[in-house]
Amino acid sequence: MAKKKINKKPVAKKAPVKKAVAKKPVAKKAVASKVEVKKPVSKKVRKQRKPSKTTLLKLQNAAEEKLRELRKKEKPYIRYSFHIESIEVDGNNLIEEIVYNYRGTMVIPKSQKENYKPGFAEVVGVYIVPKDLDSIVRRVDFKQLKRKDIMFMLTRAVREDHKLAMQEIISKELMPQNKKISDLPWRY
């Protein structure tokens, strides 16, 4: 018997698959290398000069002069306002009489804080509302009125001469003409 010839084709072999293996960290050996050492740099320390006494006095005098000029320009003033103390009404709840305080509050600029003391003064006044006055204050029940309505009527109704007299009384009380000075400049 004869043997049959078998045609064998070369079969491509698959490359073997490599498994991923976790690598272990390798400890590196410390290698001694030349370390650059910084040499200390000598810094020259300068002594700060202290200003002379005359320079200090000049600067101090200039600052005081500025403050004096500022004090001449800025002066305290008084702010005036009405404050209602009480109201008297008739049988129909219509306002007949208003008792008020005319208050003056001293407003002091920052440059004058050490020279003046803050304060206020009041003058008490009474305004009798005339029966024939054509105003909302005289026509409407006082419970329906707002403070603004009464203040508006009061500022318009009080005479300017009366306001000036009250302002004069308040200003004399808050800023008297003669001052008593106990901090004398030659006492140290």
C-alpha atoms as a PDB file:
ATOM      1  CA  MET A   1       0.000   0.000   0.000  1.00  0.00           C
ATOM      2  CA  ALA A   2       1.015   3.194  -0.796  1.00  0.00           C
ATOM      3  CA  LYS A   3       0.998   5.999   1.559  1.00  0.00           C
ATOM      4  CA  LYS A   4      -0.930   9.043   0.763  1.00  0.00           C
ATOM      5  CA  LYS A   5       0.830  12.303   0.816  1.00  0.00           C
ATOM      6  CA  ILE A   6      -0.742  14.817   3.104  1.00  0.00           C
ATOM      7  CA  ASN A   7      -0.213  18.439   2.317  1.00  0.00           C
ATOM      8  CA  LYS A   8       0.585  20.182   5.538  1.00  0.00           C
ATOM      9  CA  LYS A   9       0.340  23.861   5.496  1.00  0.00           C
ATOM     10  CA  PRO A  10       2.448  25.665   7.937  1.00  0.00           C
ATOM     11  CA  VAL A  11       0.186  26.941  10.766  1.00  0.00           C
ATOM     12  CA  ALA A  12       1.061  30.248  12.317  1.00  0.00           C
ATOM     13  CA  LYS A  13       1.714  29.814  15.980  1.00  0.00           C
ATOM     14  CA  LYS A  14       0.205  32.294  18.405  1.00  0.00           C
ATOM     15  CA  ALA A  15       2.621  34.202  20.544  1.00  0.00           C
ATOM     16  CA  PRO A  16       2.358  33.228  24.147  1.00  0.00           C
ATOM     17  CA  VAL A  17       0.359  35.805  26.255  1.00  0.00           C
ATOM     18  CA  LYS A  18       2.417  37.401  28.988  1.00  0.00           C
ATOM     19  CA  LYS A  19       0.675  38.013  32.228  1.00  0.00           C
ATOM     20  CA  ALA A  20       0.923  41.480  33.772  1.00  0.00           C
ATOM     21  CA  VAL A  21       3.028  41.188  36.833  1.00  0.00           C
ATOM     22  CA  ALA A  22       2.976  43.938  39.419  1.00  0.00           C
ATOM     23  CA  LYS A  23       6.436  45.289  39.839  1.00  0.00           C
ATOM     24  CA  LYS A  24       7.718  45.674  43.306  1.00  0.00           C
ATOM     25  CA  PRO A  25       9.102  49.078  44.153  1.00  0.00           C
ATOM     26  CA  VAL A  26      12.807  48.980  44.045  1.00  0.00           C
ATOM     27  CA  ALA A  27      14.501  50.799  46.844  1.00  0.00           C
ATOM     28  CA  LYS A  28      17.152  53.046  45.449  1.00  0.00           C
ATOM     29  CA  LYS A  29      20.355  53.253  47.243  1.00  0.00           C
ATOM     30  CA  ALA A  30      21.261  56.657  48.535  1.00  0.00           C
ATOM     31  CA  VAL A  31      24.124  57.973  46.590  1.00  0.00           C
ATOM     32  CA  ALA A  32      26.278  60.478  48.329  1.00  0.00           C
ATOM     33  CA  SER A  33      26.588  63.491  46.110  1.00  0.00           C
ATOM     34  CA  LYS A  34      28.233  66.775  46.613  1.00  0.00           C
ATOM     35  CA  VAL A  35      25.818  69.115  48.391  1.00  0.00           C
ATOM     36  CA  GLU A  36      26.334  72.769  47.739  1.00  0.00           C
ATOM     37  CA  VAL A  37      26.570  74.589  51.006  1.00  0.00           C
ATOM     38  CA  LYS A  38      25.639  78.243  50.832  1.00  0.00           C
ATOM     39  CA  LYS A  39      28.093  80.391  52.570  1.00  0.00           C
ATOM     40  CA  PRO A  40      26.522  82.994  54.810  1.00  0.00           C
ATOM     41  CA  VAL A  41      26.584  86.415  53.222  1.00  0.00           C
ATOM     42  CA  SER A  42      27.520  89.115  55.605  1.00  0.00           C
ATOM     43  CA  LYS A  43      24.839  91.801  55.585  1.00  0.00           C
ATOM     44  CA  LYS A  44      25.825  95.226  56.546  1.00  0.00           C
ATOM     45  CA  VAL A  45      23.504  96.392  59.274  1.00  0.00           C
ATOM     46  CA  ARG A  46      22.848 100.076  59.080  1.00  0.00           C
ATOM     47  CA  LYS A  47      21.889 101.904  62.140  1.00  0.00           C
ATOM     48  CA  GLN A  48      18.895 104.104  61.556  1.00  0.00           C
ATOM     49  CA  ARG A  49      19.598 107.665  62.301  1.00  0.00           C
ATOM     50  CA  LYS A  50      17.433 109.223  64.897  1.00  0.00           C
ATOM     51  CA  PRO A  51      16.093 112.617  63.912  1.00  0.00           C
ATOM     52  CA  SER A  52      17.484 115.495  65.844  1.00  0.00           C
ATOM     53  CA  LYS A  53      15.457 117.296  68.455  1.00  0.00           C
ATOM     54  CA  THR A  54      15.126 120.381  66.283  1.00  0.00           C
ATOM     55  CA  THR A  55      13.690 118.330  63.423  1.00  0.00           C
ATOM     56  CA  LEU A  56      11.206 116.707  65.780  1.00  0.00           C
ATOM     57  CA  LEU A  57      10.171 120.101  67.117  1.00  0.00           C
ATOM     58  CA  LYS A  58       9.713 121.475  63.595  1.00  0.00           C
ATOM     59  CA  LEU A  59       7.500 118.551  62.608  1.00  0.00           C
ATOM     60  CA  GLN A  60       5.489 118.818  65.796  1.00  0.00           C
ATOM     61  CA  ASN A  61       5.006 122.576  65.334  1.00  0.00           C
ATOM     62  CA  ALA A  62       3.924 122.086  61.718  1.00  0.00           C
ATOM     63  CA  ALA A  63       1.320 119.502  62.794  1.00  0.00           C
ATOM     64  CA  GLU A  64       0.021 121.794  65.532  1.00  0.00           C
ATOM     65  CA  GLU A  65      -0.191 124.705  63.076  1.00  0.00           C
ATOM     66  CA  LYS A  66      -2.240 122.596  60.660  1.00  0.00           C
ATOM     67  CA  LEU A  67      -4.573 121.654  63.483  1.00  0.00           C
ATOM     68  CA  ARG A  68      -4.935 125.311  64.516  1.00  0.00           C
ATOM     69  CA  GLU A  69      -5.827 126.308  60.957  1.00  0.00           C
ATOM     70  CA  LEU A  70      -8.347 123.497  60.762  1.00  0.00           C
ATOM     71  CA  ARG A  71      -9.898 124.582  64.062  1.00  0.00           C
ATOM     72  CA  LYS A  72     -10.304 128.106  62.716  1.00  0.00           C
ATOM     73  CA  LYS A  73     -12.220 126.782  59.702  1.00  0.00           C
ATOM     74  CA  GLU A  74     -14.329 124.127  61.428  1.00  0.00           C
ATOM     75  CA  LYS A  75     -16.630 125.309  64.150  1.00  0.00           C
ATOM     76  CA  PRO A  76     -19.350 123.439  65.993  1.00  0.00           C
ATOM     77  CA  TYR A  77     -22.932 124.272  65.167  1.00  0.00           C
ATOM     78  CA  ILE A  78     -26.349 123.514  66.600  1.00  0.00           C
ATOM     79  CA  ARG A  79     -29.038 121.470  64.856  1.00  0.00           C
ATOM     80  CA  TYR A  80     -32.577 122.476  65.846  1.00  0.00           C
ATOM     81  CA  SER A  81     -35.721 120.332  65.814  1.00  0.00           C
ATOM     82  CA  PHE A  82     -39.262 120.142  67.182  1.00  0.00           C
ATOM     83  CA  HIS A  83     -40.349 117.289  69.470  1.00  0.00           C
ATOM     84  CA  ILE A  84     -44.004 116.939  70.420  1.00  0.00           C
ATOM     85  CA  GLU A  85     -44.511 116.280  74.139  1.00  0.00           C
ATOM     86  CA  SER A  86     -48.302 116.164  74.386  1.00  0.00           C
ATOM     87  CA  ILE A  87     -51.512 117.109  72.618  1.00  0.00           C
ATOM     88  CA  GLU A  88     -54.715 118.477  74.122  1.00  0.00           C
ATOM     89  CA  VAL A  89     -57.945 117.699  72.242  1.00  0.00           C
ATOM     90  CA  ASP A  90     -61.567 118.812  72.520  1.00  0.00           C
ATOM     91  CA  GLY A  91     -64.721 116.632  72.711  1.00  0.00           C
ATOM     92  CA  ASN A  92     -64.616 115.884  68.966  1.00  0.00           C
ATOM     93  CA  ASN A  93     -60.955 114.699  69.163  1.00  0.00           C
ATOM     94  CA  LEU A  94     -59.744 117.773  67.280  1.00  0.00           C
ATOM     95  CA  ILE A  95     -56.409 119.201  68.374  1.00  0.00           C
ATOM     96  CA  GLU A  96     -56.607 122.411  70.401  1.00  0.00           C
ATOM     97  CA  GLU A  97     -53.169 122.687  71.975  1.00  0.00           C
ATOM     98  CA  ILE A  98     -49.719 121.256  71.256  1.00  0.00           C
ATOM     99  CA  VAL A  99     -46.985 121.164  73.900  1.00  0.00           C
ATOM    100  CA  TYR A 100     -43.584 120.824  72.234  1.00  0.00           C
ATOM    101  CA  ASN A 101     -39.868 120.937  72.941  1.00  0.00           C
ATOM    102  CA  TYR A 102     -37.637 122.926  70.647  1.00  0.00           C
ATOM    103  CA  ARG A 103     -34.378 120.994  70.937  1.00  0.00           C
ATOM    104  CA  GLY A 104     -30.905 122.116  69.967  1.00  0.00           C
ATOM    105  CA  THR A 105     -28.227 119.442  69.563  1.00  0.00           C
ATOM    106  CA  MET A 106     -24.580 120.431  69.277  1.00  0.00           C
ATOM    107  CA  VAL A 107     -22.774 118.969  66.264  1.00  0.00           C
ATOM    108  CA  ILE A 108     -18.998 118.939  66.788  1.00  0.00           C
ATOM    109  CA  PRO A 109     -16.476 118.392  63.961  1.00  0.00           C
ATOM    110  CA  LYS A 110     -13.705 115.841  64.547  1.00  0.00           C
ATOM    111  CA  SER A 111     -11.025 118.520  64.860  1.00  0.00           C
ATOM    112  CA  GLN A 112     -12.931 120.144  67.731  1.00  0.00           C
ATOM    113  CA  LYS A 113     -13.811 117.007  69.765  1.00  0.00           C
ATOM    114  CA  GLU A 114     -11.350 117.818  72.547  1.00  0.00           C
ATOM    115  CA  ASN A 115     -12.450 121.456  72.878  1.00  0.00           C
ATOM    116  CA  TYR A 116     -16.231 120.998  73.150  1.00  0.00           C
ATOM    117  CA  LYS A 117     -18.471 118.620  75.012  1.00  0.00           C
ATOM    118  CA  PRO A 118     -21.439 117.148  73.160  1.00  0.00           C
ATOM    119  CA  GLY A 119     -24.834 118.034  74.533  1.00  0.00           C
ATOM    120  CA  PHE A 120     -28.291 119.330  73.878  1.00  0.00           C
ATOM    121  CA  ALA A 121     -30.665 121.886  75.333  1.00  0.00           C
ATOM    122  CA  GLU A 122     -34.432 122.230  75.143  1.00  0.00           C
ATOM    123  CA  VAL A 123     -36.930 125.015  75.334  1.00  0.00           C
ATOM    124  CA  VAL A 124     -40.556 124.114  76.083  1.00  0.00           C
ATOM    125  CA  GLY A 125     -43.264 125.795  74.066  1.00  0.00           C
ATOM    126  CA  VAL A 126     -47.042 125.647  73.744  1.00  0.00           C
ATOM    127  CA  TYR A 127     -48.951 126.298  70.543  1.00  0.00           C
ATOM    128  CA  ILE A 128     -52.701 126.876  70.744  1.00  0.00           C
ATOM    129  CA  VAL A 129     -54.326 125.907  67.464  1.00  0.00           C
ATOM    130  CA  PRO A 130     -56.755 128.623  66.318  1.00  0.00           C
ATOM    131  CA  LYS A 131     -60.341 127.512  65.699  1.00  0.00           C
ATOM    132  CA  ASP A 132     -60.427 129.127  62.257  1.00  0.00           C
ATOM    133  CA  LEU A 133     -57.179 127.486  61.060  1.00  0.00           C
ATOM    134  CA  ASP A 134     -57.596 125.893  57.630  1.00  0.00           C
ATOM    135  CA  SER A 135     -55.381 122.839  58.112  1.00  0.00           C
ATOM    136  CA  ILE A 136     -55.810 119.094  58.160  1.00  0.00           C
ATOM    137  CA  VAL A 137     -54.802 119.175  61.835  1.00  0.00           C
ATOM    138  CA  ARG A 138     -57.925 121.169  62.728  1.00  0.00           C
ATOM    139  CA  ARG A 139     -60.334 119.228  60.452  1.00  0.00           C
ATOM    140  CA  VAL A 140     -59.460 115.575  61.167  1.00  0.00           C
ATOM    141  CA  ASP A 141     -59.601 113.373  64.271  1.00  0.00           C
ATOM    142  CA  PHE A 142     -56.140 113.280  65.920  1.00  0.00           C
ATOM    143  CA  LYS A 143     -56.096 109.447  65.744  1.00  0.00           C
ATOM    144  CA  GLN A 144     -56.094 109.634  61.937  1.00  0.00           C
ATOM    145  CA  LEU A 145     -53.284 112.196  61.805  1.00  0.00           C
ATOM    146  CA  LYS A 146     -49.670 111.321  61.217  1.00  0.00           C
ATOM    147  CA  ARG A 147     -46.768 112.845  63.100  1.00  0.00           C
ATOM    148  CA  LYS A 148     -45.567 114.380  59.838  1.00  0.00           C
ATOM    149  CA  ASP A 149     -48.821 116.376  59.470  1.00  0.00           C
ATOM    150  CA  ILE A 150     -48.556 117.873  62.949  1.00  0.00           C
ATOM    151  CA  MET A 151     -44.854 118.680  62.549  1.00  0.00           C
ATOM    152  CA  PHE A 152     -45.487 120.378  59.196  1.00  0.00           C
ATOM    153  CA  MET A 153     -48.236 122.538  60.694  1.00  0.00           C
ATOM    154  CA  LEU A 154     -46.124 123.348  63.755  1.00  0.00           C
ATOM    155  CA  THR A 155     -43.026 124.431  61.787  1.00  0.00           C
ATOM    156  CA  ARG A 156     -45.129 126.707  59.587  1.00  0.00           C
ATOM    157  CA  ALA A 157     -47.269 128.114  62.409  1.00  0.00           C
ATOM    158  CA  VAL A 158     -44.569 129.119  64.903  1.00  0.00           C
ATOM    159  CA  ARG A 159     -43.309 132.623  64.131  1.00  0.00           C
ATOM    160  CA  GLU A 160     -39.717 133.102  62.995  1.00  0.00           C
ATOM    161  CA  ASP A 161     -39.105 135.663  65.777  1.00  0.00           C
ATOM    162  CA  HIS A 162     -40.171 133.070  68.337  1.00  0.00           C
ATOM    163  CA  LYS A 163     -37.875 130.433  66.758  1.00  0.00           C
ATOM    164  CA  LEU A 164     -34.937 132.877  66.781  1.00  0.00           C
ATOM    165  CA  ALA A 165     -35.540 133.694  70.461  1.00  0.00           C
ATOM    166  CA  MET A 166     -35.584 129.985  71.324  1.00  0.00           C
ATOM    167  CA  GLN A 167     -32.435 129.402  69.265  1.00  0.00           C
ATOM    168  CA  GLU A 168     -30.680 132.207  71.125  1.00  0.00           C
ATOM    169  CA  ILE A 169     -31.553 130.681  74.492  1.00  0.00           C
ATOM    170  CA  ILE A 170     -30.304 127.270  73.382  1.00  0.00           C
ATOM    171  CA  SER A 171     -27.060 128.608  71.884  1.00  0.00           C
ATOM    172  CA  LYS A 172     -26.252 130.560  75.074  1.00  0.00           C
ATOM    173  CA  GLU A 173     -26.719 127.403  77.090  1.00  0.00           C
ATOM    174  CA  LEU A 174     -24.676 125.140  74.787  1.00  0.00           C
ATOM    175  CA  MET A 175     -21.931 127.574  73.742  1.00  0.00           C
ATOM    176  CA  PRO A 176     -21.445 130.277  76.352  1.00  0.00           C
ATOM    177  CA  GLN A 177     -19.503 133.399  75.393  1.00  0.00           C
ATOM    178  CA  ASN A 178     -16.973 133.064  78.210  1.00  0.00           C
ATOM    179  CA  LYS A 179     -15.080 129.817  78.592  1.00  0.00           C
ATOM    180  CA  LYS A 180     -13.301 128.686  81.727  1.00  0.00           C
ATOM    181  CA  ILE A 181      -9.912 127.206  80.801  1.00  0.00           C
ATOM    182  CA  SER A 182      -8.162 125.121  83.419  1.00  0.00           C
ATOM    183  CA  ASP A 183      -5.568 123.509  81.116  1.00  0.00           C
ATOM    184  CA  LEU A 184      -3.081 126.373  80.937  1.00  0.00           C
ATOM    185  CA  PRO A 185      -0.307 126.165  78.321  1.00  0.00           C
ATOM    186  CA  TRP A 186       2.529 127.003  80.729  1.00  0.00           C
ATOM    187  CA  ARG A 187       1.610 124.183  83.164  1.00  0.00           C
ATOM    188  CA  TYR A 188       3.344 120.911  82.380  1.00  0.00           C
END
